[in-house]
C-alpha atoms as a PDB file:
ATOM      1  CA  UNK A   1      70.069  88.318 -14.746  1.00  0.00           C
ATOM      2  CA  UNK A   2      69.492  85.723 -12.048  1.00  0.00           C
ATOM      3  CA  UNK A   3      66.307  85.602 -10.003  1.00  0.00           C
ATOM      4  CA  UNK A   4      68.081  86.716  -6.821  1.00  0.00           C
ATOM      5  CA  UNK A   5      69.652  89.686  -8.539  1.00  0.00           C
ATOM      6  CA  UNK A   6      66.246  90.700  -9.927  1.00  0.00           C
ATOM      7  CA  UNK A   7      64.768  90.799  -6.420  1.00  0.00           C
ATOM      8  CA  UNK A   8      67.692  92.929  -5.123  1.00  0.00           C
ATOM      9  CA  UNK A   9      67.334  95.409  -7.991  1.00  0.00           C
ATOM     10  CA  UNK A  10      63.554  95.639  -7.380  1.00  0.00           C
ATOM     11  CA  UNK A  11      64.080  96.312  -3.713  1.00  0.00           C
ATOM     12  CA  UNK A  12      66.595  99.095  -4.378  1.00  0.00           C
ATOM     13  CA  UNK A  13      64.272 100.765  -6.877  1.00  0.00           C
ATOM     14  CA  UNK A  14      61.418 100.602  -4.370  1.00  0.00           C
ATOM     15  CA  UNK A  15      63.545 102.388  -1.718  1.00  0.00           C
ATOM     16  CA  UNK A  16      64.591 105.044  -4.238  1.00  0.00           C
ATOM     17  CA  UNK A  17      60.951 105.636  -5.137  1.00  0.00           C
ATOM     18  CA  UNK A  18      59.959 106.087  -1.525  1.00  0.00           C
ATOM     19  CA  UNK A  19      62.783 108.564  -0.897  1.00  0.00           C
ATOM     20  CA  UNK A  20      61.898 110.496  -4.044  1.00  0.00           C
ATOM     21  CA  UNK A  21      58.295 110.746  -2.949  1.00  0.00           C
ATOM     22  CA  UNK A  22      59.295 111.954   0.511  1.00  0.00           C
ATOM     23  CA  UNK A  23      61.678 114.589  -0.857  1.00  0.00           C
ATOM     24  CA  UNK A  24      59.869 115.799  -3.945  1.00  0.00           C
ATOM     25  CA  UNK A  25      56.293 114.699  -3.558  1.00  0.00           C
ATOM     26  CA  UNK A  26      53.352 116.463  -1.977  1.00  0.00           C
ATOM     27  CA  UNK A  27      54.150 118.832   0.859  1.00  0.00           C
ATOM     28  CA  UNK A  28      54.263 117.102   4.203  1.00  0.00           C
ATOM     29  CA  UNK A  29      52.954 118.583   7.454  1.00  0.00           C
ATOM     30  CA  UNK A  30      56.034 119.154   9.672  1.00  0.00           C
ATOM     31  CA  UNK A  31      56.046 117.718  13.182  1.00  0.00           C
ATOM     32  CA  UNK A  32      55.607 120.409  15.810  1.00  0.00           C
ATOM     33  CA  UNK A  33      58.897 120.843  17.776  1.00  0.00           C
ATOM     34  CA  UNK A  34      58.843 120.730  21.571  1.00  0.00           C
ATOM     35  CA  UNK A  35      57.818 124.098  22.961  1.00  0.00           C
ATOM     36  CA  UNK A  36      60.730 126.328  23.922  1.00  0.00           C
ATOM     37  CA  UNK A  37      60.724 128.632  26.919  1.00  0.00           C
ATOM     38  CA  UNK A  38      63.341 130.424  29.016  1.00  0.00           C
ATOM     39  CA  UNK A  39      65.147 127.837  31.183  1.00  0.00           C
ATOM     40  CA  UNK A  40      66.136 128.896  34.679  1.00  0.00           C
ATOM     41  CA  UNK A  41      69.731 128.360  35.808  1.00  0.00           C
ATOM     42  CA  UNK A  42      69.997 125.428  38.260  1.00  0.00           C
ATOM     43  CA  UNK A  43      70.560 126.501  41.873  1.00  0.00           C
ATOM     44  CA  UNK A  44      73.043 124.975  44.293  1.00  0.00           C
ATOM     45  CA  UNK A  45      71.682 122.319  46.638  1.00  0.00           C
ATOM     46  CA  UNK A  46      69.944 123.384  49.862  1.00  0.00           C
ATOM     47  CA  UNK A  47      69.600 127.092  49.180  1.00  0.00           C
ATOM     48  CA  UNK A  48      68.117 128.658  52.318  1.00  0.00           C
ATOM     49  CA  UNK A  49      67.085 131.941  53.792  1.00  0.00           C
ATOM     50  CA  UNK A  50      68.114 134.368  56.573  1.00  0.00           C
ATOM     51  CA  UNK A  51      69.368 133.390  59.989  1.00  0.00           C
ATOM     52  CA  UNK A  52      69.773 136.318  62.351  1.00  0.00           C
ATOM     53  CA  UNK A  53      71.619 134.182  64.926  1.00  0.00           C
ATOM     54  CA  UNK A  54      74.114 132.634  62.457  1.00  0.00           C
ATOM     55  CA  UNK A  55      77.613 132.495  63.901  1.00  0.00           C
ATOM     56  CA  UNK A  56      76.484 133.731  67.297  1.00  0.00           C
ATOM     57  CA  UNK A  57      78.140 137.123  66.812  1.00  0.00           C
ATOM     58  CA  UNK A  58      75.484 138.907  68.938  1.00  0.00           C
ATOM     59  CA  UNK A  59      76.536 137.072  72.125  1.00  0.00           C
ATOM     60  CA  UNK A  60      78.811 139.367  74.215  1.00  0.00           C
ATOM     61  CA  UNK A  61      78.951 137.192  77.311  1.00  0.00           C
ATOM     62  CA  UNK A  62      82.721 136.711  77.107  1.00  0.00           C
ATOM     63  CA  UNK A  63      85.929 138.260  75.826  1.00  0.00           C
ATOM     64  CA  UNK A  64      86.110 136.086  72.679  1.00  0.00           C
ATOM     65  CA  UNK A  65      89.674 136.976  71.729  1.00  0.00           C
ATOM     66  CA  UNK A  66      91.365 135.770  74.918  1.00  0.00           C
ATOM     67  CA  UNK A  67      92.801 132.279  74.537  1.00  0.00           C
ATOM     68  CA  UNK A  68      94.913 129.991  76.746  1.00  0.00           C
ATOM     69  CA  UNK A  69      98.552 131.055  77.105  1.00  0.00           C
ATOM     70  CA  UNK A  70     101.057 128.944  75.120  1.00  0.00           C
ATOM     71  CA  UNK A  71     103.087 126.372  77.059  1.00  0.00           C
ATOM     72  CA  UNK A  72     105.834 125.278  74.702  1.00  0.00           C
ATOM     73  CA  UNK A  73     105.922 123.020  71.664  1.00  0.00           C
ATOM     74  CA  UNK A  74     106.568 119.546  73.066  1.00  0.00           C
ATOM     75  CA  UNK A  75     104.696 117.099  70.806  1.00  0.00           C
ATOM     76  CA  UNK A  76     105.392 114.080  73.024  1.00  0.00           C
ATOM     77  CA  UNK A  77     102.673 114.724  75.594  1.00  0.00           C
ATOM     78  CA  UNK A  78      98.894 114.514  75.858  1.00  0.00           C
ATOM     79  CA  UNK A  79      96.822 115.206  72.722  1.00  0.00           C
ATOM     80  CA  UNK A  80      99.849 115.880  70.580  1.00  0.00           C
ATOM     81  CA  UNK A  81     101.391 112.501  71.457  1.00  0.00           C
ATOM     82  CA  UNK A  82      98.222 110.764  70.310  1.00  0.00           C
ATOM     83  CA  UNK A  83      98.344 112.623  67.000  1.00  0.00           C
ATOM     84  CA  UNK A  84     102.050 111.796  66.690  1.00  0.00           C
ATOM     85  CA  UNK A  85     101.323 108.089  67.274  1.00  0.00           C
ATOM     86  CA  UNK A  86      98.533 108.174  64.645  1.00  0.00           C
ATOM     87  CA  UNK A  87     100.947 109.671  62.108  1.00  0.00           C
ATOM     88  CA  UNK A  88      98.454 112.267  60.796  1.00  0.00           C
ATOM     89  CA  UNK A  89      97.054 115.612  61.934  1.00  0.00           C
ATOM     90  CA  UNK A  90      93.399 115.631  60.853  1.00  0.00           C
ATOM     91  CA  UNK A  91      92.332 119.149  59.811  1.00  0.00           C
ATOM     92  CA  UNK A  92      88.924 120.442  58.852  1.00  0.00           C
ATOM     93  CA  UNK A  93      89.441 122.920  56.021  1.00  0.00           C
ATOM     94  CA  UNK A  94      87.820 124.557  53.036  1.00  0.00           C
ATOM     95  CA  UNK A  95      88.531 123.511  49.476  1.00  0.00           C
ATOM     96  CA  UNK A  96      86.397 126.157  47.738  1.00  0.00           C
ATOM     97  CA  UNK A  97      87.722 129.485  48.971  1.00  0.00           C
ATOM     98  CA  UNK A  98      90.391 130.728  46.577  1.00  0.00           C
ATOM     99  CA  UNK A  99      93.466 132.111  48.335  1.00  0.00           C
ATOM    100  CA  UNK A 100      92.631 130.676  51.803  1.00  0.00           C
ATOM    101  CA  UNK A 101      91.606 127.060  51.241  1.00  0.00           C
ATOM    102  CA  UNK A 102      91.270 125.741  47.688  1.00  0.00           C
ATOM    103  CA  UNK A 103      92.301 122.805  45.501  1.00  0.00           C
ATOM    104  CA  UNK A 104      94.956 123.579  42.897  1.00  0.00           C
ATOM    105  CA  UNK A 105      93.500 122.180  39.674  1.00  0.00           C
ATOM    106  CA  UNK A 106      96.985 121.486  38.249  1.00  0.00           C
ATOM    107  CA  UNK A 107      98.451 119.582  41.186  1.00  0.00           C
ATOM    108  CA  UNK A 108      95.325 118.430  43.006  1.00  0.00           C
ATOM    109  CA  UNK A 109      96.790 119.762  46.267  1.00  0.00           C
ATOM    110  CA  UNK A 110      95.023 121.981  48.760  1.00  0.00           C
ATOM    111  CA  UNK A 111      96.600 125.430  49.053  1.00  0.00           C
ATOM    112  CA  UNK A 112      96.059 128.850  50.632  1.00  0.00           C
ATOM    113  CA  UNK A 113      96.718 130.907  53.749  1.00  0.00           C
ATOM    114  CA  UNK A 114      94.696 128.612  56.016  1.00  0.00           C
ATOM    115  CA  UNK A 115      96.381 125.518  54.520  1.00  0.00           C
ATOM    116  CA  UNK A 116      99.749 127.106  55.386  1.00  0.00           C
ATOM    117  CA  UNK A 117      98.618 127.393  59.030  1.00  0.00           C
ATOM    118  CA  UNK A 118      97.696 123.698  59.129  1.00  0.00           C
ATOM    119  CA  UNK A 119     101.056 122.777  57.719  1.00  0.00           C
ATOM    120  CA  UNK A 120     102.814 124.816  60.369  1.00  0.00           C
ATOM    121  CA  UNK A 121     100.995 122.919  63.124  1.00  0.00           C
ATOM    122  CA  UNK A 122     101.791 119.557  61.481  1.00  0.00           C
ATOM    123  CA  UNK A 123     105.428 120.489  61.114  1.00  0.00           C
ATOM    124  CA  UNK A 124     105.634 121.357  64.822  1.00  0.00           C
ATOM    125  CA  UNK A 125     104.339 117.845  65.717  1.00  0.00           C
ATOM    126  CA  UNK A 126     106.086 115.693  63.154  1.00  0.00           C
ATOM    127  CA  UNK A 127     109.102 117.743  62.163  1.00  0.00           C
ATOM    128  CA  UNK A 128     107.648 118.237  58.685  1.00  0.00           C
ATOM    129  CA  UNK A 129     104.154 118.561  57.235  1.00  0.00           C
ATOM    130  CA  UNK A 130     104.666 116.498  54.090  1.00  0.00           C
ATOM    131  CA  UNK A 131     102.769 113.218  54.395  1.00  0.00           C
ATOM    132  CA  UNK A 132     101.490 114.009  57.894  1.00  0.00           C
ATOM    133  CA  UNK A 133      98.237 115.915  57.239  1.00  0.00           C
ATOM    134  CA  UNK A 134      94.836 114.436  56.523  1.00  0.00           C
ATOM    135  CA  UNK A 135      92.630 117.226  55.163  1.00  0.00           C
ATOM    136  CA  UNK A 136      88.893 116.963  55.574  1.00  0.00           C
ATOM    137  CA  UNK A 137      86.879 119.395  53.468  1.00  0.00           C
ATOM    138  CA  UNK A 138      83.858 120.656  55.361  1.00  0.00           C
ATOM    139  CA  UNK A 139      81.178 123.360  54.765  1.00  0.00           C
ATOM    140  CA  UNK A 140      80.990 126.363  57.115  1.00  0.00           C
ATOM    141  CA  UNK A 141      77.919 124.923  58.831  1.00  0.00           C
ATOM    142  CA  UNK A 142      79.788 121.843  60.050  1.00  0.00           C
ATOM    143  CA  UNK A 143      82.744 123.484  61.752  1.00  0.00           C
ATOM    144  CA  UNK A 144      81.505 123.145  65.301  1.00  0.00           C
ATOM    145  CA  UNK A 145      80.022 119.693  64.842  1.00  0.00           C
ATOM    146  CA  UNK A 146      83.174 117.970  63.556  1.00  0.00           C
ATOM    147  CA  UNK A 147      85.082 119.363  66.559  1.00  0.00           C
ATOM    148  CA  UNK A 148      82.374 118.297  69.029  1.00  0.00           C
ATOM    149  CA  UNK A 149      82.407 114.816  67.538  1.00  0.00           C
ATOM    150  CA  UNK A 150      86.236 114.654  67.557  1.00  0.00           C
ATOM    151  CA  UNK A 151      86.231 113.894  63.809  1.00  0.00           C
ATOM    152  CA  UNK A 152      89.115 116.385  63.358  1.00  0.00           C
ATOM    153  CA  UNK A 153      91.971 117.698  65.521  1.00  0.00           C
ATOM    154  CA  UNK A 154      91.655 121.288  64.335  1.00  0.00           C
ATOM    155  CA  UNK A 155      89.432 123.394  62.068  1.00  0.00           C
ATOM    156  CA  UNK A 156      91.272 126.060  60.056  1.00  0.00           C
ATOM    157  CA  UNK A 157      88.617 127.549  57.816  1.00  0.00           C
ATOM    158  CA  UNK A 158      88.227 131.355  57.947  1.00  0.00           C
ATOM    159  CA  UNK A 159      86.647 130.653  61.357  1.00  0.00           C
ATOM    160  CA  UNK A 160      85.571 133.798  63.218  1.00  0.00           C
ATOM    161  CA  UNK A 161      85.823 133.592  67.001  1.00  0.00           C
ATOM    162  CA  UNK A 162      82.543 134.359  68.887  1.00  0.00           C
ATOM    163  CA  UNK A 163      81.257 133.798  72.399  1.00  0.00           C
ATOM    164  CA  UNK A 164      78.469 131.604  71.155  1.00  0.00           C
ATOM    165  CA  UNK A 165      80.900 129.325  69.322  1.00  0.00           C
ATOM    166  CA  UNK A 166      83.180 129.200  72.356  1.00  0.00           C
ATOM    167  CA  UNK A 167      80.394 127.458  74.287  1.00  0.00           C
ATOM    168  CA  UNK A 168      80.922 124.419  72.034  1.00  0.00           C
ATOM    169  CA  UNK A 169      84.585 124.544  71.023  1.00  0.00           C
ATOM    170  CA  UNK A 170      87.860 126.215  71.931  1.00  0.00           C
ATOM    171  CA  UNK A 171      89.859 128.651  69.817  1.00  0.00           C
ATOM    172  CA  UNK A 172      93.482 129.555  69.413  1.00  0.00           C
ATOM    173  CA  UNK A 173      94.597 133.138  69.613  1.00  0.00           C
ATOM    174  CA  UNK A 174      93.643 135.296  66.613  1.00  0.00           C
ATOM    175  CA  UNK A 175      95.865 134.589  63.595  1.00  0.00           C
ATOM    176  CA  UNK A 176      94.135 136.836  61.030  1.00  0.00           C
ATOM    177  CA  UNK A 177      91.741 139.809  61.063  1.00  0.00           C
ATOM    178  CA  UNK A 178      89.307 140.297  58.181  1.00  0.00           C
ATOM    179  CA  UNK A 179      86.306 142.584  57.584  1.00  0.00           C
ATOM    180  CA  UNK A 180      82.946 141.975  55.916  1.00  0.00           C
ATOM    181  CA  UNK A 181      82.470 143.740  52.572  1.00  0.00           C
ATOM    182  CA  UNK A 182      80.347 143.275  49.405  1.00  0.00           C
ATOM    183  CA  UNK A 183      80.955 141.673  46.034  1.00  0.00           C
ATOM    184  CA  UNK A 184      78.864 142.900  43.088  1.00  0.00           C
ATOM    185  CA  UNK A 185      79.059 142.851  39.285  1.00  0.00           C
ATOM    186  CA  UNK A 186      81.248 145.625  37.890  1.00  0.00           C
ATOM    187  CA  UNK A 187      78.133 147.119  36.328  1.00  0.00           C
ATOM    188  CA  UNK A 188      76.504 147.624  39.774  1.00  0.00           C
ATOM    189  CA  UNK A 189      76.483 150.972  41.544  1.00  0.00           C
ATOM    190  CA  UNK A 190      75.897 149.415  45.000  1.00  0.00           C
ATOM    191  CA  UNK A 191      78.586 150.113  47.605  1.00  0.00           C
ATOM    192  CA  UNK A 192      76.805 149.092  50.803  1.00  0.00           C
ATOM    193  CA  UNK A 193      73.916 146.979  52.152  1.00  0.00           C
ATOM    194  CA  UNK A 194      71.856 150.169  52.220  1.00  0.00           C
ATOM    195  CA  UNK A 195      72.068 150.165  48.405  1.00  0.00           C
ATOM    196  CA  UNK A 196      70.797 146.582  48.346  1.00  0.00           C
ATOM    197  CA  UNK A 197      67.482 147.037  50.145  1.00  0.00           C
ATOM    198  CA  UNK A 198      65.092 144.363  48.937  1.00  0.00           C
ATOM    199  CA  UNK A 199      67.854 142.785  46.845  1.00  0.00           C
ATOM    200  CA  UNK A 200      69.088 139.178  47.190  1.00  0.00           C
ATOM    201  CA  UNK A 201      72.445 138.984  49.004  1.00  0.00           C
ATOM    202  CA  UNK A 202      74.246 135.654  49.385  1.00  0.00           C
ATOM    203  CA  UNK A 203      76.252 134.288  52.354  1.00  0.00           C
ATOM    204  CA  UNK A 204      77.208 130.892  53.737  1.00  0.00           C
ATOM    205  CA  UNK A 205      75.031 129.088  56.287  1.00  0.00           C
ATOM    206  CA  UNK A 206      76.035 129.504  59.968  1.00  0.00           C
ATOM    207  CA  UNK A 207      78.345 132.399  59.121  1.00  0.00           C
ATOM    208  CA  UNK A 208      78.547 135.713  60.951  1.00  0.00           C
ATOM    209  CA  UNK A 209      78.167 137.326  57.504  1.00  0.00           C
ATOM    210  CA  UNK A 210      74.710 135.816  57.120  1.00  0.00           C
ATOM    211  CA  UNK A 211      73.577 137.198  60.474  1.00  0.00           C
ATOM    212  CA  UNK A 212      74.807 140.683  59.451  1.00  0.00           C
ATOM    213  CA  UNK A 213      72.777 140.578  56.241  1.00  0.00           C
ATOM    214  CA  UNK A 214      69.683 139.223  58.027  1.00  0.00           C
ATOM    215  CA  UNK A 215      69.683 141.977  60.675  1.00  0.00           C
ATOM    216  CA  UNK A 216      70.692 144.983  58.553  1.00  0.00           C
ATOM    217  CA  UNK A 217      68.172 147.873  58.739  1.00  0.00           C
ATOM    218  CA  UNK A 218      68.115 148.165  54.961  1.00  0.00           C
ATOM    219  CA  UNK A 219      66.473 144.704  54.848  1.00  0.00           C
ATOM    220  CA  UNK A 220      68.311 143.026  52.029  1.00  0.00           C
ATOM    221  CA  UNK A 221      66.991 139.508  51.275  1.00  0.00           C
ATOM    222  CA  UNK A 222      69.494 137.036  52.747  1.00  0.00           C
ATOM    223  CA  UNK A 223      70.155 133.889  50.708  1.00  0.00           C
ATOM    224  CA  UNK A 224      72.168 131.147  52.393  1.00  0.00           C
ATOM    225  CA  UNK A 225      74.203 128.312  50.789  1.00  0.00           C
ATOM    226  CA  UNK A 226      76.633 125.638  51.981  1.00  0.00           C
ATOM    227  CA  UNK A 227      79.806 127.024  50.432  1.00  0.00           C
ATOM    228  CA  UNK A 228      81.043 130.452  49.384  1.00  0.00           C
ATOM    229  CA  UNK A 229      81.766 129.192  45.872  1.00  0.00           C
ATOM    230  CA  UNK A 230      78.000 128.639  45.515  1.00  0.00           C
ATOM    231  CA  UNK A 231      77.451 132.346  46.164  1.00  0.00           C
ATOM    232  CA  UNK A 232      79.799 133.270  43.344  1.00  0.00           C
ATOM    233  CA  UNK A 233      78.018 130.938  40.945  1.00  0.00           C
ATOM    234  CA  UNK A 234      74.636 132.391  41.896  1.00  0.00           C
ATOM    235  CA  UNK A 235      75.973 135.948  41.388  1.00  0.00           C
ATOM    236  CA  UNK A 236      77.347 134.994  37.956  1.00  0.00           C
ATOM    237  CA  UNK A 237      73.968 133.514  36.980  1.00  0.00           C
ATOM    238  CA  UNK A 238      71.978 136.520  38.185  1.00  0.00           C
ATOM    239  CA  UNK A 239      70.241 134.588  40.938  1.00  0.00           C
ATOM    240  CA  UNK A 240      71.496 137.053  43.575  1.00  0.00           C
ATOM    241  CA  UNK A 241      72.482 140.687  43.364  1.00  0.00           C
ATOM    242  CA  UNK A 242      75.497 140.579  45.668  1.00  0.00           C
ATOM    243  CA  UNK A 243      77.642 138.435  47.959  1.00  0.00           C
ATOM    244  CA  UNK A 244      78.661 139.718  51.377  1.00  0.00           C
ATOM    245  CA  UNK A 245      81.351 138.196  53.556  1.00  0.00           C
ATOM    246  CA  UNK A 246      84.937 138.690  54.687  1.00  0.00           C
ATOM    247  CA  UNK A 247      87.174 140.700  52.354  1.00  0.00           C
ATOM    248  CA  UNK A 248      89.613 137.722  52.268  1.00  0.00           C
ATOM    249  CA  UNK A 249      86.976 135.445  50.723  1.00  0.00           C
ATOM    250  CA  UNK A 250      85.716 138.143  48.354  1.00  0.00           C
ATOM    251  CA  UNK A 251      89.246 138.911  47.160  1.00  0.00           C
ATOM    252  CA  UNK A 252      89.515 135.281  46.059  1.00  0.00           C
ATOM    253  CA  UNK A 253      86.269 135.534  44.123  1.00  0.00           C
ATOM    254  CA  UNK A 254      87.348 138.748  42.422  1.00  0.00           C
ATOM    255  CA  UNK A 255      90.658 137.111  41.479  1.00  0.00           C
ATOM    256  CA  UNK A 256      88.724 134.278  39.809  1.00  0.00           C
ATOM    257  CA  UNK A 257      86.150 136.424  37.980  1.00  0.00           C
ATOM    258  CA  UNK A 258      87.179 139.743  36.350  1.00  0.00           C
ATOM    259  CA  UNK A 259      83.541 140.768  35.901  1.00  0.00           C
ATOM    260  CA  UNK A 260      82.995 141.368  39.642  1.00  0.00           C
ATOM    261  CA  UNK A 261      84.385 143.825  42.195  1.00  0.00           C
ATOM    262  CA  UNK A 262      84.758 144.188  45.957  1.00  0.00           C
ATOM    263  CA  UNK A 263      83.141 147.395  47.280  1.00  0.00           C
ATOM    264  CA  UNK A 264      82.452 149.253  50.471  1.00  0.00           C
ATOM    265  CA  UNK A 265      84.084 149.822  53.838  1.00  0.00           C
ATOM    266  CA  UNK A 266      84.426 146.950  56.319  1.00  0.00           C
ATOM    267  CA  UNK A 267      81.136 146.459  58.156  1.00  0.00           C
ATOM    268  CA  UNK A 268      82.542 144.107  60.824  1.00  0.00           C
ATOM    269  CA  UNK A 269      85.794 142.880  62.242  1.00  0.00           C
ATOM    270  CA  UNK A 270      86.244 139.113  61.810  1.00  0.00           C
ATOM    271  CA  UNK A 271      88.875 137.569  64.005  1.00  0.00           C
ATOM    272  CA  UNK A 272      89.981 134.198  62.687  1.00  0.00           C
ATOM    273  CA  UNK A 273      90.984 131.509  65.175  1.00  0.00           C
ATOM    274  CA  UNK A 274      91.863 127.838  64.878  1.00  0.00           C
ATOM    275  CA  UNK A 275      89.018 125.712  66.251  1.00  0.00           C
ATOM    276  CA  UNK A 276      89.967 122.909  68.706  1.00  0.00           C
ATOM    277  CA  UNK A 277      87.817 120.438  70.649  1.00  0.00           C
ATOM    278  CA  UNK A 278      86.477 121.747  73.955  1.00  0.00           C
ATOM    279  CA  UNK A 279      88.279 119.186  76.108  1.00  0.00           C
ATOM    280  CA  UNK A 280      91.791 119.715  74.721  1.00  0.00           C
ATOM    281  CA  UNK A 281      93.376 122.616  76.601  1.00  0.00           C
ATOM    282  CA  UNK A 282      96.839 121.199  75.946  1.00  0.00           C
ATOM    283  CA  UNK A 283      96.220 121.354  72.201  1.00  0.00           C
ATOM    284  CA  UNK A 284      95.110 124.969  72.440  1.00  0.00           C
ATOM    285  CA  UNK A 285      98.301 125.912  74.313  1.00  0.00           C
ATOM    286  CA  UNK A 286     100.442 123.984  71.778  1.00  0.00           C
ATOM    287  CA  UNK A 287      98.772 125.611  68.770  1.00  0.00           C
ATOM    288  CA  UNK A 288      99.171 129.046  70.394  1.00  0.00           C
ATOM    289  CA  UNK A 289     102.898 128.378  70.785  1.00  0.00           C
ATOM    290  CA  UNK A 290     103.065 127.496  67.079  1.00  0.00           C
ATOM    291  CA  UNK A 291     101.191 130.657  66.124  1.00  0.00           C
ATOM    292  CA  UNK A 292     103.568 132.774  68.216  1.00  0.00           C
ATOM    293  CA  UNK A 293     106.396 131.324  66.203  1.00  0.00           C
ATOM    294  CA  UNK A 294     104.516 131.842  62.909  1.00  0.00           C
ATOM    295  CA  UNK A 295     103.899 135.515  63.707  1.00  0.00           C
ATOM    296  CA  UNK A 296     107.656 136.023  63.908  1.00  0.00           C
ATOM    297  CA  UNK A 297     108.352 134.928  60.354  1.00  0.00           C
ATOM    298  CA  UNK A 298     106.262 132.698  58.078  1.00  0.00           C
ATOM    299  CA  UNK A 299     102.997 134.641  58.618  1.00  0.00           C
ATOM    300  CA  UNK A 300     104.217 137.494  56.448  1.00  0.00           C
ATOM    301  CA  UNK A 301     105.488 135.091  53.792  1.00  0.00           C
ATOM    302  CA  UNK A 302     102.104 133.425  53.548  1.00  0.00           C
ATOM    303  CA  UNK A 303     100.280 136.714  53.554  1.00  0.00           C
ATOM    304  CA  UNK A 304     102.355 138.142  50.736  1.00  0.00           C
ATOM    305  CA  UNK A 305     102.028 134.940  48.700  1.00  0.00           C
ATOM    306  CA  UNK A 306      98.238 134.764  48.900  1.00  0.00           C
ATOM    307  CA  UNK A 307      96.620 138.093  49.605  1.00  0.00           C
ATOM    308  CA  UNK A 308      99.165 140.901  49.962  1.00  0.00           C
ATOM    309  CA  UNK A 309      98.819 142.145  46.403  1.00  0.00           C
ATOM    310  CA  UNK A 310      94.995 142.192  46.657  1.00  0.00           C
ATOM    311  CA  UNK A 311      94.413 143.560  50.173  1.00  0.00           C
ATOM    312  CA  UNK A 312      97.513 145.664  50.822  1.00  0.00           C
ATOM    313  CA  UNK A 313     100.114 145.564  53.591  1.00  0.00           C
ATOM    314  CA  UNK A 314      99.197 143.935  56.925  1.00  0.00           C
ATOM    315  CA  UNK A 315     100.784 142.638  60.075  1.00  0.00           C
ATOM    316  CA  UNK A 316      99.872 139.568  62.159  1.00  0.00           C
ATOM    317  CA  UNK A 317      97.429 140.367  64.944  1.00  0.00           C
ATOM    318  CA  UNK A 318      98.712 140.624  68.482  1.00  0.00           C
ATOM    319  CA  UNK A 319      97.583 137.619  70.568  1.00  0.00           C
ATOM    320  CA  UNK A 320      95.535 138.030  73.745  1.00  0.00           C
ATOM    321  CA  UNK A 321      95.820 135.416  76.542  1.00  0.00           C
ATOM    322  CA  UNK A 322      93.849 134.658  79.689  1.00  0.00           C
END
């Protein structure tokens, strides 16, 4: 055996001896593992509390449902001509509310009842919607601001018309009527806010739903988040006891999660309008002309596609004009 091979063999035997001692020698004191405790579920960012004035629903200083009368669908004038020249209608929408404004995970496209309304407006300006819409996903709390800053042409995002909001922006005529209900686990016996006294109930910031929870006599504990999808996650994780908002939004949550249910009678009437910048009367009239056309045909098609099976038969609301 050469000298080098002798050293290698000695080294191997030394390693084997060490391993044998570690495995079969005297008992070793184990290292204490890191202490284990119950870990809390992470919460969504910017979870807040109640806001009794959210959405401005308490303001009754106007007739909120009256909009400017339609004046035809000529896209070659005023605000519409500028949009036509740009080549894109910029629309503030939701991408987290299943059935009304959500991203299809298979195609990557935004879909839903509200998205259909945006596409109808774009088609009236450009002849077709395909390739002519720039969607901008925004939280509920930013709906007024993006219109005031002219960052978008329209906001179509389950947007309830109120007098307070009309001080900052304009609205189309009502294109959909919803009602606030409650979403709870199927194991819950609650059917109203009265059954949720002292319990945590989730709603989106700056929503009329949040104001309703915050001012209810039963005194549920209002929890506010940026997006409705955050409410569903918090309900699934046991961080809130219920979610309360429009039946349209809750129907989408129930369709996504078979362990929850929508309960109770409508507590409010939510009249959805399309938000438009305050200084664009011509755009309001144009959009109202588009909606008048939609009510005569494609409204029912969109309704049946997205929510008809879940909320039952419905008809488009009758517009009211100044």
